[in-house]
Amino acid sequence: MPFAFELIKKDPDTGARLGKMLTPHGPIDTPAFMPVGTQGTVKSLRPDDLQTCGAQIILGNTYHLYLRPGHETIRKLGGLHTFMNWPGPILTDSGGFQVYSLGALRKILPDGVMFQSHIDGSRHFLTPEKAIEIQEALGSDIMMCLDECTPYPATLQQTRDSLDLTMKWAKQCAEAKTNPEQALFGIVQGGTYLDLRRQAVEQIVPVGFDGYALGGVSVGEPREIMYSITDEITPLLPSGQPRYLMGVGMPVDIVYTVSCGIDLFDCVIPTRSARHGLLFTNSEKIVIKNARWREDDHPLDETCDCYTCKNYSRGYLRHLYIAGEILAMILNTIHNIRHYMLLMEKIRTAISENRFSEFKKDFLNKMR
């Protein structure tokens, strides 16, 4: 089945949208959140754990899988779905953000990025064509164009030069794509300069991608700037195609930007926070190592239906975490992922029932 997107409903009072993405590995109800599976696994969880939590799609990391075990190895072993035994859809990023994060270990050139592996110091050259070659070998349902992630802060000229490079690479990625069953999303850059963001939309939409992402946000800028960019730019993107806000984020950010018309999210926050003992609930964030939970016999969240909340107390979870037990990471991650999936389910229900505006107001007030 080729990729398609169906816009089912729009909230009457906001820009929130209810939709469905159709992929070769199944449908995705939107708005949706993607757990991050950096190296062919969502850390500490089995694929069936993810399915039980309600995850419909996960994100794989092109940079890490290219370096280890290598995209050709994964291709020979049946592609990423078979390799990691995940039956659902997968989105792969292009590797651009990870290369951006390497700092002094990378050099950006007109034709691509020269970088040193963080694993063994070996040198590699990632071009737009190479990014597509790797992702086609991985067999992901949705591929991302190679882009240059503009840092924050950046001058107007730095941002303009970065955007020109991203646009050049986007066209090269579109030309390099060979598999019609894999979708390819373009990325709107432009830093914190709204005029450049608008210019990016005007230039990238005519190329003709299957969906569009806002990149270069959540890279250190104040939350208000990220909200302003999403408010202003999302409505300019084609309404009949999915809109993806890359690297976001916290539950409050998700609820706010859904109201701007965003359909797809990813972030390491729920999994990374779980491994460090920060757990999300509907009433507060729980730092499970704190002594106040030592003799607490309640579940993490009375309103959560995850395996962790059904079977274990805060006191037991604190014991596991303090003792450094592997089970602590597993149970914590199950809860945080399920918390995010439940949030997305509540968002979709609120949109379907024409009460998202009320849901957003109540949620943001409670979180404050």
Protein backbone atom coordinates (compact mmCIF):
# COMPACT_ATOMS: atom_id res chain seq x y z
CA MET A 1 0.00 0.00 0.00
CA PRO A 2 1.49 3.39 -0.97
CA PHE A 3 1.53 6.21 1.55
CA ALA A 4 -1.60 8.35 1.86
CA PHE A 5 -3.10 10.84 4.30
CA GLU A 6 -6.77 11.37 5.05
CA LEU A 7 -7.89 14.52 6.84
CA ILE A 8 -10.95 13.38 8.78
CA LYS A 9 -11.96 16.40 10.82
CA LYS A 10 -10.87 19.87 11.89
CA ASP A 11 -11.64 21.37 15.28
CA PRO A 12 -14.10 24.27 14.83
CA ASP A 13 -12.31 26.60 17.28
CA THR A 14 -8.60 25.86 16.72
CA GLY A 15 -6.30 24.48 14.04
CA ALA A 16 -6.37 20.98 15.57
CA ARG A 17 -6.89 18.15 13.07
CA LEU A 18 -7.99 14.53 13.20
CA GLY A 19 -6.48 12.38 10.47
CA LYS A 20 -5.17 9.01 9.38
CA MET A 21 -1.90 8.16 7.67
CA LEU A 22 -1.87 4.99 5.60
CA THR A 23 1.47 3.21 5.21
CA PRO A 24 2.67 -0.18 3.93
CA HIS A 25 2.90 -1.36 7.54
CA GLY A 26 -0.45 -0.13 8.75
CA PRO A 27 -2.46 3.00 9.57
CA ILE A 28 -1.58 5.76 12.04
CA ASP A 29 -4.29 7.80 13.73
CA THR A 30 -3.24 11.42 14.07
CA PRO A 31 -2.29 13.44 16.03
CA ALA A 32 0.30 10.81 16.95
CA PHE A 33 3.49 10.60 19.01
CA MET A 34 6.45 8.45 17.94
CA PRO A 35 8.63 6.81 20.59
CA VAL A 36 12.27 7.10 19.57
CA GLY A 37 14.07 3.85 18.70
CA THR A 38 17.52 5.25 18.08
CA GLN A 39 19.49 2.07 17.39
CA GLY A 40 16.75 -0.31 16.28
CA THR A 41 15.15 -0.44 19.71
CA VAL A 42 13.15 1.79 22.01
CA LYS A 43 15.44 1.52 25.00
CA SER A 44 14.41 -1.14 27.58
CA LEU A 45 11.17 -2.16 25.78
CA ARG A 46 10.24 -5.13 23.60
CA PRO A 47 8.15 -4.45 20.48
CA ASP A 48 5.11 -6.10 22.08
CA ASP A 49 5.51 -3.77 25.08
CA LEU A 50 5.25 -0.84 22.68
CA GLN A 51 2.17 -2.29 21.04
CA THR A 52 0.51 -2.86 24.42
CA CYS A 53 1.26 0.77 25.31
CA GLY A 54 -0.57 1.86 22.16
CA ALA A 55 2.36 3.00 20.01
CA GLN A 56 1.41 3.03 16.33
CA ILE A 57 4.68 4.22 14.82
CA ILE A 58 8.27 4.52 16.03
CA LEU A 59 11.26 6.54 14.88
CA GLY A 60 14.57 5.02 13.79
CA ASN A 61 17.86 6.87 13.59
CA THR A 62 19.64 6.88 10.24
CA TYR A 63 22.96 8.14 11.59
CA HIS A 64 23.31 5.49 14.29
CA LEU A 65 22.06 2.59 12.15
CA TYR A 66 24.38 3.61 9.30
CA LEU A 67 27.40 3.48 11.63
CA ARG A 68 26.31 0.34 13.46
CA PRO A 69 25.49 -2.28 12.21
CA GLY A 70 25.36 -0.62 8.77
CA HIS A 71 22.44 -0.14 6.38
CA GLU A 72 23.61 -2.89 4.03
CA THR A 73 23.68 -5.36 6.90
CA ILE A 74 20.13 -4.40 7.82
CA ARG A 75 19.03 -4.68 4.19
CA LYS A 76 20.50 -8.21 3.96
CA LEU A 77 18.68 -9.17 7.16
CA GLY A 78 15.31 -8.16 5.75
CA GLY A 79 15.08 -4.43 6.45
CA LEU A 80 14.57 -2.58 9.70
CA HIS A 81 11.06 -3.94 10.40
CA THR A 82 12.27 -7.55 10.25
CA PHE A 83 15.62 -6.76 11.88
CA MET A 84 14.00 -5.35 15.03
CA ASN A 85 10.76 -7.37 14.84
CA TRP A 86 8.54 -4.27 14.75
CA PRO A 87 5.42 -4.87 12.60
CA GLY A 88 4.14 -1.30 12.52
CA PRO A 89 5.19 1.82 10.61
CA ILE A 90 8.65 3.34 11.03
CA LEU A 91 9.84 6.87 10.30
CA THR A 92 13.58 7.37 9.87
CA ASP A 93 15.24 10.74 10.28
CA SER A 94 17.95 11.68 7.80
CA GLY A 95 20.82 11.82 10.28
CA GLY A 96 21.10 15.58 9.88
CA PHE A 97 20.32 16.42 13.50
CA GLN A 98 22.79 13.87 14.87
CA VAL A 99 25.52 15.19 12.58
CA TYR A 100 24.61 18.72 13.72
CA SER A 101 25.06 17.55 17.31
CA LEU A 102 28.61 16.35 16.64
CA GLY A 103 29.95 19.93 16.74
CA ALA A 104 33.69 19.92 16.04
CA LEU A 105 33.52 16.39 14.62
CA ARG A 106 31.68 17.55 11.51
CA LYS A 107 32.16 20.00 8.67
CA ILE A 108 29.29 21.20 6.50
CA LEU A 109 30.11 21.44 2.78
CA PRO A 110 27.92 22.43 -0.21
CA ASP A 111 27.46 18.79 -1.24
CA GLY A 112 26.95 17.23 2.20
CA VAL A 113 28.46 16.80 5.64
CA MET A 114 31.89 15.38 6.44
CA PHE A 115 31.93 13.87 9.92
CA GLN A 116 33.84 11.61 12.25
CA SER A 117 32.12 8.64 13.84
CA HIS A 118 31.58 9.10 17.57
CA ILE A 119 32.20 5.33 17.86
CA ASP A 120 35.62 4.81 16.28
CA GLY A 121 36.66 8.14 14.76
CA SER A 122 36.27 6.90 11.17
CA ARG A 123 35.45 9.56 8.57
CA HIS A 124 32.25 9.60 6.54
CA PHE A 125 30.59 11.88 3.98
CA LEU A 126 26.81 12.14 4.18
CA THR A 127 25.19 13.57 1.06
CA PRO A 128 21.48 13.97 0.28
CA GLU A 129 21.72 11.00 -2.07
CA LYS A 130 23.47 8.91 0.59
CA ALA A 131 20.80 9.79 3.16
CA ILE A 132 18.11 8.46 0.80
CA GLU A 133 20.18 5.38 -0.09
CA ILE A 134 20.53 4.51 3.62
CA GLN A 135 16.84 5.02 4.37
CA GLU A 136 15.72 3.02 1.36
CA ALA A 137 17.98 0.17 2.55
CA LEU A 138 16.40 0.40 6.00
CA GLY A 139 12.96 0.18 4.39
CA SER A 140 11.23 2.78 6.56
CA ASP A 141 7.68 3.82 5.72
CA ILE A 142 8.52 7.53 5.99
CA MET A 143 11.93 9.00 5.11
CA MET A 144 13.18 12.48 5.91
CA CYS A 145 15.22 14.78 3.68
CA LEU A 146 18.75 15.64 4.71
CA ASP A 147 18.74 19.16 6.13
CA GLU A 148 21.02 21.47 8.06
CA CYS A 149 19.58 22.07 11.51
CA THR A 150 20.06 25.79 12.16
CA PRO A 151 21.45 26.40 15.67
CA TYR A 152 20.04 28.84 18.17
CA PRO A 153 21.03 31.62 18.23
CA ALA A 154 22.08 32.31 14.63
CA THR A 155 22.40 35.54 12.68
CA LEU A 156 20.10 36.35 9.79
CA GLN A 157 22.86 35.68 7.26
CA GLN A 158 23.85 32.38 8.89
CA THR A 159 20.22 31.29 8.85
CA ARG A 160 19.72 32.36 5.24
CA ASP A 161 22.80 30.43 4.11
CA SER A 162 21.66 27.39 6.10
CA LEU A 163 18.19 27.54 4.56
CA ASP A 164 19.63 27.75 1.03
CA LEU A 165 21.60 24.58 1.71
CA THR A 166 18.56 22.79 3.15
CA MET A 167 16.49 23.70 0.08
CA LYS A 168 19.22 22.51 -2.30
CA TRP A 169 19.50 19.21 -0.45
CA ALA A 170 15.71 18.76 -0.35
CA LYS A 171 15.53 18.85 -4.14
CA GLN A 172 18.41 16.39 -4.39
CA CYS A 173 16.69 14.04 -1.95
CA ALA A 174 13.48 14.15 -4.00
CA GLU A 175 15.43 13.33 -7.16
CA ALA A 176 17.34 10.48 -5.46
CA LYS A 177 14.22 8.69 -4.17
CA THR A 178 13.53 5.45 -6.06
CA ASN A 179 11.01 3.45 -3.98
CA PRO A 180 7.43 4.67 -4.60
CA GLU A 181 6.11 2.88 -1.49
CA GLN A 182 8.30 4.91 0.85
CA ALA A 183 7.06 8.39 1.68
CA LEU A 184 9.47 11.34 1.79
CA PHE A 185 8.89 14.40 3.97
CA GLY A 186 10.43 17.81 3.31
CA ILE A 187 11.71 19.94 6.20
CA VAL A 188 11.00 23.63 6.72
CA GLN A 189 13.97 25.42 8.30
CA GLY A 190 14.59 29.14 8.75
CA GLY A 191 15.57 29.44 12.39
CA THR A 192 13.70 32.05 14.41
CA TYR A 193 13.15 34.32 11.39
CA LEU A 194 9.51 34.06 10.34
CA ASP A 195 10.16 35.64 6.94
CA LEU A 196 12.72 32.95 6.17
CA ARG A 197 10.31 30.27 7.41
CA ARG A 198 7.64 31.60 5.04
CA GLN A 199 10.19 31.64 2.22
CA ALA A 200 11.07 28.04 3.02
CA VAL A 201 7.41 26.98 2.72
CA GLU A 202 7.08 28.79 -0.62
CA GLN A 203 10.14 27.00 -1.96
CA ILE A 204 9.67 23.50 -0.57
CA VAL A 205 5.98 22.86 -1.26
CA PRO A 206 6.35 23.01 -5.09
CA VAL A 207 8.99 20.24 -4.90
CA GLY A 208 6.11 17.93 -4.00
CA PHE A 209 6.71 15.92 -0.84
CA ASP A 210 4.37 13.45 0.89
CA GLY A 211 4.40 15.50 4.10
CA TYR A 212 6.16 18.43 5.69
CA ALA A 213 8.06 18.92 8.93
CA LEU A 214 9.04 21.95 10.96
CA GLY A 215 12.68 21.45 11.88
CA GLY A 216 15.15 23.49 13.86
CA VAL A 217 12.85 23.97 16.85
CA SER A 218 13.40 22.76 20.40
CA VAL A 219 17.13 23.43 19.95
CA GLY A 220 17.49 25.85 22.86
CA GLU A 221 15.18 28.67 21.92
CA PRO A 222 12.60 29.90 24.45
CA ARG A 223 9.31 28.01 24.37
CA GLU A 224 7.46 31.17 23.30
CA ILE A 225 9.56 31.40 20.12
CA MET A 226 8.86 27.76 19.24
CA TYR A 227 5.15 28.40 19.76
CA SER A 228 5.29 31.53 17.60
CA ILE A 229 6.99 29.66 14.74
CA THR A 230 4.47 26.82 14.92
CA ASP A 231 1.52 29.23 15.14
CA GLU A 232 2.61 31.24 12.11
CA ILE A 233 4.03 28.60 9.79
CA THR A 234 1.90 25.45 10.25
CA PRO A 235 -1.23 26.94 8.59
CA LEU A 236 0.88 27.71 5.49
CA LEU A 237 1.62 24.02 4.91
CA PRO A 238 -0.68 21.99 2.63
CA SER A 239 -3.81 21.00 4.54
CA GLY A 240 -4.13 17.66 2.75
CA GLN A 241 -0.75 16.36 3.90
CA PRO A 242 0.65 15.48 7.34
CA ARG A 243 2.54 18.06 9.38
CA TYR A 244 5.35 16.93 11.67
CA LEU A 245 6.96 18.97 14.48
CA MET A 246 10.40 17.45 14.94
CA GLY A 247 11.84 16.82 18.40
CA VAL A 248 8.83 18.00 20.45
CA GLY A 249 8.38 17.34 23.26
CA MET A 250 6.81 17.92 26.62
CA PRO A 251 3.07 17.19 27.04
CA VAL A 252 2.25 20.92 27.29
CA ASP A 253 4.11 21.54 24.02
CA ILE A 254 2.23 18.74 22.28
CA VAL A 255 -1.20 19.98 23.40
CA TYR A 256 -0.40 23.56 22.44
CA THR A 257 1.00 22.77 19.00
CA VAL A 258 -1.78 20.32 18.14
CA SER A 259 -3.97 23.43 18.25
CA CYS A 260 -1.75 24.90 15.50
CA GLY A 261 -2.46 21.96 13.20
CA ILE A 262 0.46 19.61 13.93
CA ASP A 263 -0.20 15.90 13.27
CA LEU A 264 3.01 14.10 14.27
CA PHE A 265 5.56 14.36 17.10
CA ASP A 266 8.68 12.61 18.35
CA CYS A 267 10.98 13.12 21.31
CA VAL A 268 13.29 11.19 23.63
CA ILE A 269 11.75 12.89 26.69
CA PRO A 270 9.43 10.05 27.84
CA THR A 271 12.05 7.32 27.50
CA ARG A 272 15.07 9.30 28.69
CA SER A 273 13.10 10.70 31.64
CA ALA A 274 11.99 7.19 32.59
CA ARG A 275 15.57 5.94 32.73
CA HIS A 276 16.45 8.86 35.00
CA GLY A 277 13.50 8.31 37.31
CA LEU A 278 11.25 11.19 36.15
CA LEU A 279 7.72 9.89 35.66
CA PHE A 280 4.74 11.71 34.17
CA THR A 281 1.27 11.52 35.71
CA ASN A 282 -1.97 13.41 35.25
CA SER A 283 -1.41 15.40 38.43
CA GLU A 284 2.35 15.88 38.82
CA LYS A 285 5.80 14.81 37.71
CA ILE A 286 7.20 12.20 40.09
CA VAL A 287 10.93 11.96 40.82
CA ILE A 288 10.81 8.38 41.99
CA LYS A 289 14.13 8.42 43.91
CA ASN A 290 12.74 10.92 46.41
CA ALA A 291 12.38 9.55 49.95
CA ARG A 292 8.72 10.61 50.14
CA TRP A 293 7.79 7.58 47.98
CA ARG A 294 9.61 5.01 50.12
CA GLU A 295 6.50 3.60 51.83
CA ASP A 296 3.88 4.76 49.33
CA ASP A 297 1.62 1.85 48.36
CA HIS A 298 -0.25 3.70 45.61
CA PRO A 299 0.32 3.23 41.88
CA LEU A 300 2.16 5.97 40.01
CA ASP A 301 -1.13 7.22 38.56
CA GLU A 302 -4.57 6.00 39.62
CA THR A 303 -5.94 7.00 36.20
CA CYS A 304 -3.33 5.08 34.14
CA ASP A 305 -4.06 1.60 32.76
CA CYS A 306 -0.45 0.61 32.01
CA TYR A 307 1.12 -2.63 33.25
CA THR A 308 3.26 -0.72 35.73
CA CYS A 309 0.38 1.16 37.34
CA LYS A 310 -1.80 -1.96 37.49
CA ASN A 311 0.79 -4.05 39.30
CA TYR A 312 3.35 -1.99 41.24
CA SER A 313 3.48 0.66 43.94
CA ARG A 314 5.50 3.84 44.04
CA GLY A 315 7.39 2.33 46.97
CA TYR A 316 8.45 -0.69 44.91
CA LEU A 317 9.43 1.46 41.92
CA ARG A 318 11.55 3.63 44.20
CA HIS A 319 13.25 0.52 45.60
CA LEU A 320 14.08 -0.75 42.10
CA TYR A 321 15.47 2.61 41.03
CA ILE A 322 17.60 3.12 44.15
CA ALA A 323 18.89 -0.46 43.83
CA GLY A 324 19.86 0.12 40.18
CA GLU A 325 17.73 -2.76 38.95
CA ILE A 326 17.13 -3.11 35.20
CA LEU A 327 13.45 -3.67 35.91
CA ALA A 328 13.25 -0.04 37.08
CA MET A 329 14.02 1.20 33.56
CA ILE A 330 11.55 -1.23 32.00
CA LEU A 331 8.61 -0.42 34.28
CA ASN A 332 9.31 3.33 34.23
CA THR A 333 9.51 3.40 30.44
CA ILE A 334 6.31 1.38 30.03
CA HIS A 335 4.51 3.95 32.17
CA ASN A 336 5.89 7.06 30.46
CA ILE A 337 5.21 5.71 26.97
CA ARG A 338 1.68 4.73 27.93
CA HIS A 339 1.17 8.16 29.50
CA TYR A 340 2.06 9.78 26.17
CA MET A 341 -0.12 7.38 24.19
CA LEU A 342 -3.07 8.07 26.52
CA LEU A 343 -2.51 11.80 26.03
CA MET A 344 -2.69 11.39 22.25
CA GLU A 345 -5.85 9.27 22.60
CA LYS A 346 -7.46 12.01 24.74
CA ILE A 347 -6.46 14.64 22.19
CA ARG A 348 -7.97 12.68 19.30
CA THR A 349 -11.19 12.06 21.26
CA ALA A 350 -11.48 15.75 22.15
CA ILE A 351 -11.09 16.75 18.50
CA SER A 352 -13.65 14.16 17.37
CA GLU A 353 -16.15 15.47 19.94
CA ASN A 354 -15.62 19.16 19.05
CA ARG A 355 -14.24 20.04 22.49
CA PHE A 356 -10.51 20.32 21.89
CA SER A 357 -10.45 24.02 22.76
CA GLU A 358 -11.89 23.24 26.20
CA PHE A 359 -9.53 20.27 26.60
CA LYS A 360 -6.52 22.44 25.74
CA LYS A 361 -7.52 25.18 28.19
CA ASP A 362 -8.10 22.73 31.05
CA PHE A 363 -4.91 20.77 30.35
CA LEU A 364 -2.63 23.79 30.16
CA ASN A 365 -4.15 25.33 33.28
CA LYS A 366 -3.64 22.07 35.18
CA MET A 367 -0.03 21.74 34.03
CA ARG A 368 0.75 25.30 35.08
